[in-house]
C-alpha atoms as a PDB file:
ATOM      1  CA  UNK A   1     -46.234 -36.893   4.614  1.00  0.00           C
ATOM      2  CA  UNK A   2     -44.596 -34.562   1.772  1.00  0.00           C
ATOM      3  CA  UNK A   3     -42.021 -33.226   4.438  1.00  0.00           C
ATOM      4  CA  UNK A   4     -41.596 -37.314   4.979  1.00  0.00           C
ATOM      5  CA  UNK A   5     -40.794 -37.433   0.568  1.00  0.00           C
ATOM      6  CA  UNK A   6     -38.240 -35.086   0.781  1.00  0.00           C
ATOM      7  CA  UNK A   7     -36.453 -36.101   3.792  1.00  0.00           C
ATOM      8  CA  UNK A   8     -36.599 -39.537   2.031  1.00  0.00           C
ATOM      9  CA  UNK A   9     -35.133 -38.253  -0.877  1.00  0.00           C
ATOM     10  CA  UNK A  10     -31.943 -36.583   0.606  1.00  0.00           C
ATOM     11  CA  UNK A  11     -31.697 -40.307   2.526  1.00  0.00           C
ATOM     12  CA  UNK A  12     -31.836 -42.386  -0.267  1.00  0.00           C
ATOM     13  CA  UNK A  13     -28.017 -41.150  -1.619  1.00  0.00           C
ATOM     14  CA  UNK A  14     -26.370 -44.351   1.018  1.00  0.00           C
ATOM     15  CA  UNK A  15     -28.486 -46.269  -0.394  1.00  0.00           C
ATOM     16  CA  UNK A  16     -28.104 -45.426  -3.265  1.00  0.00           C
ATOM     17  CA  UNK A  17     -23.995 -46.151  -2.975  1.00  0.00           C
ATOM     18  CA  UNK A  18     -24.717 -49.687  -1.045  1.00  0.00           C
ATOM     19  CA  UNK A  19     -23.109 -52.668  -3.266  1.00  0.00           C
ATOM     20  CA  UNK A  20     -22.722 -50.383  -6.113  1.00  0.00           C
ATOM     21  CA  UNK A  21     -20.238 -52.170  -8.415  1.00  0.00           C
ATOM     22  CA  UNK A  22     -19.652 -51.362 -12.290  1.00  0.00           C
ATOM     23  CA  UNK A  23     -17.290 -54.620 -12.455  1.00  0.00           C
ATOM     24  CA  UNK A  24     -18.784 -57.173 -10.033  1.00  0.00           C
ATOM     25  CA  UNK A  25     -16.563 -55.882  -6.739  1.00  0.00           C
ATOM     26  CA  UNK A  26     -18.263 -53.479  -4.330  1.00  0.00           C
ATOM     27  CA  UNK A  27     -16.964 -49.863  -4.343  1.00  0.00           C
ATOM     28  CA  UNK A  28     -17.632 -46.706  -2.073  1.00  0.00           C
ATOM     29  CA  UNK A  29     -17.703 -42.865  -2.544  1.00  0.00           C
ATOM     30  CA  UNK A  30     -14.423 -42.590  -1.626  1.00  0.00           C
ATOM     31  CA  UNK A  31     -12.881 -44.823  -4.188  1.00  0.00           C
ATOM     32  CA  UNK A  32     -14.879 -44.492  -6.802  1.00  0.00           C
ATOM     33  CA  UNK A  33     -16.248 -40.888  -9.068  1.00  0.00           C
ATOM     34  CA  UNK A  34     -18.507 -43.242 -10.309  1.00  0.00           C
ATOM     35  CA  UNK A  35     -20.436 -44.086  -7.401  1.00  0.00           C
ATOM     36  CA  UNK A  36     -20.543 -40.988  -6.422  1.00  0.00           C
ATOM     37  CA  UNK A  37     -22.125 -39.605  -9.511  1.00  0.00           C
ATOM     38  CA  UNK A  38     -24.922 -41.923  -9.771  1.00  0.00           C
ATOM     39  CA  UNK A  39     -25.734 -41.335  -6.134  1.00  0.00           C
ATOM     40  CA  UNK A  40     -26.123 -38.034  -6.426  1.00  0.00           C
ATOM     41  CA  UNK A  41     -28.216 -38.097  -9.543  1.00  0.00           C
ATOM     42  CA  UNK A  42     -30.379 -41.061  -8.137  1.00  0.00           C
ATOM     43  CA  UNK A  43     -30.957 -38.210  -5.362  1.00  0.00           C
ATOM     44  CA  UNK A  44     -31.657 -34.746  -7.950  1.00  0.00           C
ATOM     45  CA  UNK A  45     -33.915 -36.826  -9.911  1.00  0.00           C
ATOM     46  CA  UNK A  46     -35.545 -38.146  -6.767  1.00  0.00           C
ATOM     47  CA  UNK A  47     -36.050 -34.585  -5.373  1.00  0.00           C
ATOM     48  CA  UNK A  48     -36.978 -32.841  -8.666  1.00  0.00           C
ATOM     49  CA  UNK A  49     -39.675 -35.711  -8.842  1.00  0.00           C
ATOM     50  CA  UNK A  50     -40.202 -35.055  -5.269  1.00  0.00           C
ATOM     51  CA  UNK A  51     -40.789 -31.262  -5.351  1.00  0.00           C
ATOM     52  CA  UNK A  52     -43.515 -31.455  -8.641  1.00  0.00           C
ATOM     53  CA  UNK A  53     -45.329 -34.272  -6.984  1.00  0.00           C
ATOM     54  CA  UNK A  54     -45.213 -32.050  -3.989  1.00  0.00           C
ATOM     55  CA  UNK A  55     -46.396 -29.234  -6.311  1.00  0.00           C
ATOM     56  CA  UNK A  56     -49.379 -30.432  -7.917  1.00  0.00           C
ATOM     57  CA  UNK A  57     -50.546 -31.761  -4.282  1.00  0.00           C
ATOM     58  CA  UNK A  58     -50.546 -28.729  -3.068  1.00  0.00           C
ATOM     59  CA  UNK A  59     -52.342 -27.331  -6.868  1.00  0.00           C
ATOM     60  CA  UNK A  60     -55.430 -30.158  -6.162  1.00  0.00           C
ATOM     61  CA  UNK A  61     -55.926 -29.696  -2.559  1.00  0.00           C
ATOM     62  CA  UNK A  62     -56.042 -25.439  -3.311  1.00  0.00           C
ATOM     63  CA  UNK A  63     -59.107 -26.606  -6.307  1.00  0.00           C
ATOM     64  CA  UNK A  64     -56.870 -24.904  -8.739  1.00  0.00           C
ATOM     65  CA  UNK A  65     -56.293 -26.899 -12.944  1.00  0.00           C
ATOM     66  CA  UNK A  66     -53.282 -26.334 -14.545  1.00  0.00           C
ATOM     67  CA  UNK A  67     -54.973 -23.528 -16.671  1.00  0.00           C
ATOM     68  CA  UNK A  68     -55.838 -21.683 -14.024  1.00  0.00           C
ATOM     69  CA  UNK A  69     -52.728 -21.648 -12.290  1.00  0.00           C
ATOM     70  CA  UNK A  70     -51.579 -20.966 -15.213  1.00  0.00           C
ATOM     71  CA  UNK A  71     -53.652 -18.125 -15.831  1.00  0.00           C
ATOM     72  CA  UNK A  72     -52.905 -16.811 -12.261  1.00  0.00           C
ATOM     73  CA  UNK A  73     -48.745 -16.973 -12.179  1.00  0.00           C
ATOM     74  CA  UNK A  74     -47.999 -16.221 -16.005  1.00  0.00           C
ATOM     75  CA  UNK A  75     -46.200 -19.882 -16.398  1.00  0.00           C
ATOM     76  CA  UNK A  76     -47.161 -21.601 -19.139  1.00  0.00           C
ATOM     77  CA  UNK A  77     -49.327 -25.039 -18.579  1.00  0.00           C
ATOM     78  CA  UNK A  78     -47.247 -26.927 -20.175  1.00  0.00           C
ATOM     79  CA  UNK A  79     -44.052 -25.354 -18.103  1.00  0.00           C
ATOM     80  CA  UNK A  80     -46.136 -26.672 -15.324  1.00  0.00           C
ATOM     81  CA  UNK A  81     -46.664 -29.768 -16.288  1.00  0.00           C
ATOM     82  CA  UNK A  82     -42.849 -30.746 -16.901  1.00  0.00           C
ATOM     83  CA  UNK A  83     -42.123 -29.208 -13.454  1.00  0.00           C
ATOM     84  CA  UNK A  84     -45.331 -31.722 -11.806  1.00  0.00           C
ATOM     85  CA  UNK A  85     -43.794 -34.409 -13.531  1.00  0.00           C
ATOM     86  CA  UNK A  86     -40.424 -33.518 -12.379  1.00  0.00           C
ATOM     87  CA  UNK A  87     -39.030 -33.101 -15.760  1.00  0.00           C
ATOM     88  CA  UNK A  88     -37.999 -29.688 -14.916  1.00  0.00           C
ATOM     89  CA  UNK A  89     -37.734 -26.951 -12.048  1.00  0.00           C
ATOM     90  CA  UNK A  90     -38.739 -23.510 -11.556  1.00  0.00           C
ATOM     91  CA  UNK A  91     -36.770 -20.848 -11.323  1.00  0.00           C
ATOM     92  CA  UNK A  92     -36.314 -19.192  -7.729  1.00  0.00           C
ATOM     93  CA  UNK A  93     -38.395 -15.466  -8.611  1.00  0.00           C
ATOM     94  CA  UNK A  94     -41.171 -18.419 -10.177  1.00  0.00           C
ATOM     95  CA  UNK A  95     -41.131 -20.352  -7.708  1.00  0.00           C
ATOM     96  CA  UNK A  96     -41.651 -17.580  -4.973  1.00  0.00           C
ATOM     97  CA  UNK A  97     -44.713 -16.437  -7.530  1.00  0.00           C
ATOM     98  CA  UNK A  98     -46.364 -20.002  -7.595  1.00  0.00           C
ATOM     99  CA  UNK A  99     -46.012 -20.155  -3.485  1.00  0.00           C
ATOM    100  CA  UNK A 100     -48.425 -16.802  -3.456  1.00  0.00           C
ATOM    101  CA  UNK A 101     -50.384 -18.007  -5.818  1.00  0.00           C
ATOM    102  CA  UNK A 102     -51.171 -21.496  -4.128  1.00  0.00           C
ATOM    103  CA  UNK A 103     -51.148 -19.495  -0.575  1.00  0.00           C
ATOM    104  CA  UNK A 104     -48.360 -21.216   0.319  1.00  0.00           C
ATOM    105  CA  UNK A 105     -45.130 -20.217   2.181  1.00  0.00           C
ATOM    106  CA  UNK A 106     -41.843 -20.847   0.343  1.00  0.00           C
ATOM    107  CA  UNK A 107     -40.720 -22.867   3.189  1.00  0.00           C
ATOM    108  CA  UNK A 108     -43.869 -25.329   2.320  1.00  0.00           C
ATOM    109  CA  UNK A 109     -42.242 -25.647  -1.798  1.00  0.00           C
ATOM    110  CA  UNK A 110     -38.907 -25.915  -1.059  1.00  0.00           C
ATOM    111  CA  UNK A 111     -38.879 -27.937   2.633  1.00  0.00           C
ATOM    112  CA  UNK A 112     -41.051 -28.365   5.289  1.00  0.00           C
ATOM    113  CA  UNK A 113     -38.597 -27.896   8.712  1.00  0.00           C
ATOM    114  CA  UNK A 114     -39.286 -29.403  12.219  1.00  0.00           C
ATOM    115  CA  UNK A 115     -35.950 -27.782  13.878  1.00  0.00           C
ATOM    116  CA  UNK A 116     -35.918 -24.797  15.840  1.00  0.00           C
ATOM    117  CA  UNK A 117     -32.214 -24.185  14.560  1.00  0.00           C
ATOM    118  CA  UNK A 118     -30.426 -25.790  11.903  1.00  0.00           C
ATOM    119  CA  UNK A 119     -26.585 -26.432  11.526  1.00  0.00           C
ATOM    120  CA  UNK A 120     -25.809 -27.769   7.375  1.00  0.00           C
ATOM    121  CA  UNK A 121     -22.954 -28.670   6.901  1.00  0.00           C
ATOM    122  CA  UNK A 122     -20.822 -27.758   3.474  1.00  0.00           C
ATOM    123  CA  UNK A 123     -21.196 -31.626   2.062  1.00  0.00           C
ATOM    124  CA  UNK A 124     -24.642 -32.265   3.977  1.00  0.00           C
ATOM    125  CA  UNK A 125     -26.734 -29.229   1.462  1.00  0.00           C
ATOM    126  CA  UNK A 126     -29.555 -30.548  -0.532  1.00  0.00           C
ATOM    127  CA  UNK A 127     -29.044 -30.149  -4.396  1.00  0.00           C
ATOM    128  CA  UNK A 128     -31.296 -29.253  -6.975  1.00  0.00           C
ATOM    129  CA  UNK A 129     -30.561 -28.648 -10.155  1.00  0.00           C
ATOM    130  CA  UNK A 130     -32.404 -27.085 -13.378  1.00  0.00           C
ATOM    131  CA  UNK A 131     -31.701 -29.515 -16.257  1.00  0.00           C
ATOM    132  CA  UNK A 132     -31.372 -28.836 -20.164  1.00  0.00           C
ATOM    133  CA  UNK A 133     -33.075 -30.982 -22.645  1.00  0.00           C
ATOM    134  CA  UNK A 134     -30.508 -33.698 -22.326  1.00  0.00           C
ATOM    135  CA  UNK A 135     -31.182 -33.841 -19.198  1.00  0.00           C
ATOM    136  CA  UNK A 136     -27.355 -34.998 -18.502  1.00  0.00           C
ATOM    137  CA  UNK A 137     -25.843 -31.858 -17.581  1.00  0.00           C
ATOM    138  CA  UNK A 138     -26.956 -28.640 -15.836  1.00  0.00           C
ATOM    139  CA  UNK A 139     -28.229 -25.896 -18.004  1.00  0.00           C
ATOM    140  CA  UNK A 140     -29.096 -22.609 -16.240  1.00  0.00           C
ATOM    141  CA  UNK A 141     -28.526 -23.130 -12.396  1.00  0.00           C
ATOM    142  CA  UNK A 142     -28.207 -25.250  -9.028  1.00  0.00           C
ATOM    143  CA  UNK A 143     -29.420 -24.336  -5.772  1.00  0.00           C
ATOM    144  CA  UNK A 144     -28.294 -25.300  -2.829  1.00  0.00           C
ATOM    145  CA  UNK A 145     -30.783 -25.240   0.636  1.00  0.00           C
ATOM    146  CA  UNK A 146     -28.878 -24.191   3.763  1.00  0.00           C
ATOM    147  CA  UNK A 147     -31.587 -23.939   5.918  1.00  0.00           C
ATOM    148  CA  UNK A 148     -34.063 -27.154   4.820  1.00  0.00           C
ATOM    149  CA  UNK A 149     -34.892 -28.118   8.688  1.00  0.00           C
ATOM    150  CA  UNK A 150     -35.502 -24.765  10.260  1.00  0.00           C
ATOM    151  CA  UNK A 151     -39.251 -24.773  10.846  1.00  0.00           C
ATOM    152  CA  UNK A 152     -40.966 -21.104   9.959  1.00  0.00           C
ATOM    153  CA  UNK A 153     -38.657 -19.665   8.500  1.00  0.00           C
ATOM    154  CA  UNK A 154     -38.933 -16.094   6.780  1.00  0.00           C
ATOM    155  CA  UNK A 155     -35.614 -16.342   5.247  1.00  0.00           C
ATOM    156  CA  UNK A 156     -34.538 -18.722   2.110  1.00  0.00           C
ATOM    157  CA  UNK A 157     -30.928 -18.686   1.998  1.00  0.00           C
ATOM    158  CA  UNK A 158     -29.304 -20.563  -0.737  1.00  0.00           C
ATOM    159  CA  UNK A 159     -26.008 -21.919  -2.954  1.00  0.00           C
ATOM    160  CA  UNK A 160     -27.275 -20.343  -6.432  1.00  0.00           C
ATOM    161  CA  UNK A 161     -24.219 -21.407  -8.494  1.00  0.00           C
ATOM    162  CA  UNK A 162     -25.196 -19.707 -12.444  1.00  0.00           C
ATOM    163  CA  UNK A 163     -24.121 -21.302 -15.616  1.00  0.00           C
ATOM    164  CA  UNK A 164     -23.538 -19.558 -18.811  1.00  0.00           C
ATOM    165  CA  UNK A 165     -26.060 -21.385 -20.412  1.00  0.00           C
ATOM    166  CA  UNK A 166     -29.240 -19.460 -18.450  1.00  0.00           C
ATOM    167  CA  UNK A 167     -31.584 -17.841 -20.718  1.00  0.00           C
ATOM    168  CA  UNK A 168     -34.384 -16.363 -17.227  1.00  0.00           C
ATOM    169  CA  UNK A 169     -36.831 -14.069 -18.453  1.00  0.00           C
ATOM    170  CA  UNK A 170     -37.339 -11.049 -15.943  1.00  0.00           C
ATOM    171  CA  UNK A 171     -38.907 -11.939 -13.338  1.00  0.00           C
ATOM    172  CA  UNK A 172     -41.581  -9.897 -10.502  1.00  0.00           C
ATOM    173  CA  UNK A 173     -42.911 -11.162  -7.132  1.00  0.00           C
ATOM    174  CA  UNK A 174     -43.073 -10.396  -3.405  1.00  0.00           C
ATOM    175  CA  UNK A 175     -40.438 -10.098  -0.709  1.00  0.00           C
ATOM    176  CA  UNK A 176     -36.965  -8.732  -1.049  1.00  0.00           C
ATOM    177  CA  UNK A 177     -33.495 -10.675  -2.169  1.00  0.00           C
ATOM    178  CA  UNK A 178     -29.715  -9.870  -1.473  1.00  0.00           C
ATOM    179  CA  UNK A 179     -27.218 -11.898  -3.043  1.00  0.00           C
ATOM    180  CA  UNK A 180     -23.524 -11.638  -2.645  1.00  0.00           C
ATOM    181  CA  UNK A 181     -20.935 -13.191  -5.094  1.00  0.00           C
ATOM    182  CA  UNK A 182     -18.588 -15.949  -4.221  1.00  0.00           C
ATOM    183  CA  UNK A 183     -17.172 -16.855  -7.194  1.00  0.00           C
ATOM    184  CA  UNK A 184     -17.258 -16.125 -10.719  1.00  0.00           C
ATOM    185  CA  UNK A 185     -18.846 -12.573 -12.428  1.00  0.00           C
ATOM    186  CA  UNK A 186     -22.804 -11.972 -12.171  1.00  0.00           C
ATOM    187  CA  UNK A 187     -24.849  -9.902 -14.546  1.00  0.00           C
ATOM    188  CA  UNK A 188     -27.855  -8.279 -12.303  1.00  0.00           C
ATOM    189  CA  UNK A 189     -30.577  -6.330 -14.094  1.00  0.00           C
ATOM    190  CA  UNK A 190     -33.054  -4.088 -11.905  1.00  0.00           C
ATOM    191  CA  UNK A 191     -35.656  -2.061 -13.227  1.00  0.00           C
ATOM    192  CA  UNK A 192     -33.692   0.097 -15.922  1.00  0.00           C
ATOM    193  CA  UNK A 193     -30.334  -0.194 -14.006  1.00  0.00           C
ATOM    194  CA  UNK A 194     -27.908  -3.161 -15.196  1.00  0.00           C
ATOM    195  CA  UNK A 195     -24.034  -3.967 -13.364  1.00  0.00           C
ATOM    196  CA  UNK A 196     -21.790  -6.672 -13.057  1.00  0.00           C
ATOM    197  CA  UNK A 197     -20.988  -7.764  -9.951  1.00  0.00           C
ATOM    198  CA  UNK A 198     -17.650  -9.597  -9.099  1.00  0.00           C
ATOM    199  CA  UNK A 199     -16.576 -11.641  -5.959  1.00  0.00           C
ATOM    200  CA  UNK A 200     -17.142  -9.811  -2.635  1.00  0.00           C
ATOM    201  CA  UNK A 201     -20.147  -7.337  -4.080  1.00  0.00           C
ATOM    202  CA  UNK A 202     -23.380  -7.207  -3.153  1.00  0.00           C
ATOM    203  CA  UNK A 203     -26.968  -6.564  -4.726  1.00  0.00           C
ATOM    204  CA  UNK A 204     -30.176  -5.509  -2.040  1.00  0.00           C
ATOM    205  CA  UNK A 205     -33.315  -4.950  -3.500  1.00  0.00           C
ATOM    206  CA  UNK A 206     -37.322  -4.929  -3.546  1.00  0.00           C
ATOM    207  CA  UNK A 207     -38.135  -8.998  -5.423  1.00  0.00           C
ATOM    208  CA  UNK A 208     -41.755  -6.734  -6.793  1.00  0.00           C
ATOM    209  CA  UNK A 209     -38.492  -4.770  -8.943  1.00  0.00           C
ATOM    210  CA  UNK A 210     -38.877  -6.198 -12.527  1.00  0.00           C
ATOM    211  CA  UNK A 211     -35.192  -8.010 -11.861  1.00  0.00           C
ATOM    212  CA  UNK A 212     -32.717 -10.645 -13.285  1.00  0.00           C
ATOM    213  CA  UNK A 213     -29.281 -12.012 -12.574  1.00  0.00           C
ATOM    214  CA  UNK A 214     -27.489 -14.290 -14.897  1.00  0.00           C
ATOM    215  CA  UNK A 215     -23.596 -15.453 -15.052  1.00  0.00           C
ATOM    216  CA  UNK A 216     -21.750 -13.194 -17.151  1.00  0.00           C
ATOM    217  CA  UNK A 217     -18.756 -14.334 -19.373  1.00  0.00           C
ATOM    218  CA  UNK A 218     -18.345 -17.824 -20.433  1.00  0.00           C
ATOM    219  CA  UNK A 219     -17.913 -19.118 -16.492  1.00  0.00           C
ATOM    220  CA  UNK A 220     -20.209 -20.401 -13.897  1.00  0.00           C
ATOM    221  CA  UNK A 221     -20.859 -17.929 -10.701  1.00  0.00           C
ATOM    222  CA  UNK A 222     -21.356 -19.195  -7.461  1.00  0.00           C
ATOM    223  CA  UNK A 223     -23.810 -16.491  -5.021  1.00  0.00           C
ATOM    224  CA  UNK A 224     -25.207 -16.546  -1.750  1.00  0.00           C
ATOM    225  CA  UNK A 225     -28.932 -16.018  -1.983  1.00  0.00           C
ATOM    226  CA  UNK A 226     -31.535 -14.773   0.670  1.00  0.00           C
ATOM    227  CA  UNK A 227     -34.782 -14.801   0.345  1.00  0.00           C
ATOM    228  CA  UNK A 228     -37.059 -12.906   2.468  1.00  0.00           C
ATOM    229  CA  UNK A 229     -40.665 -13.976   1.373  1.00  0.00           C
END
């Protein structure tokens, strides 16, 4: 039931643009950029809401109150409440920490796959965005899942766009992470080491080490990130 909600959120992009019109005339995604923006925004918001609703269901099934889960994960209660309400998205590191606290795998939280193998086309990647206060512009990052339909995943591959405005705190959790820089420059901190990575550079570390990645400079950075759960 939970996975059906996730699938429906992305299937709704077609419904969101059917009959879209700004002046009484029908348009489509190919002829009207406003239609594309409206459809994408609708899907992203529904995804955030479903994502949070799923976490609330999992928490309640495990018998945790928000206070108890906040104490167990180190994530503020108010932040957890915003996530469950679909008004905020957790950074991937904290999402892993939360899934572990609820005795879940990352795939349970990101997307529950059903297929033995999956192919995800470049224009079909589910996008999850983290929004700023205005909720109209990206603040922090967006991540695109590259294998949402694969069942029994041990790895979670993403294309992540890091924005210069990001100000996340260092994280630590179970697993390992591999990151390859595609575009822009990325600043990475692992324990006491700091490096700036450029396109073609890569880093691989144990997620149990205190770590932080963010865009370097005043332009976004795009990375391939593979998380081992």
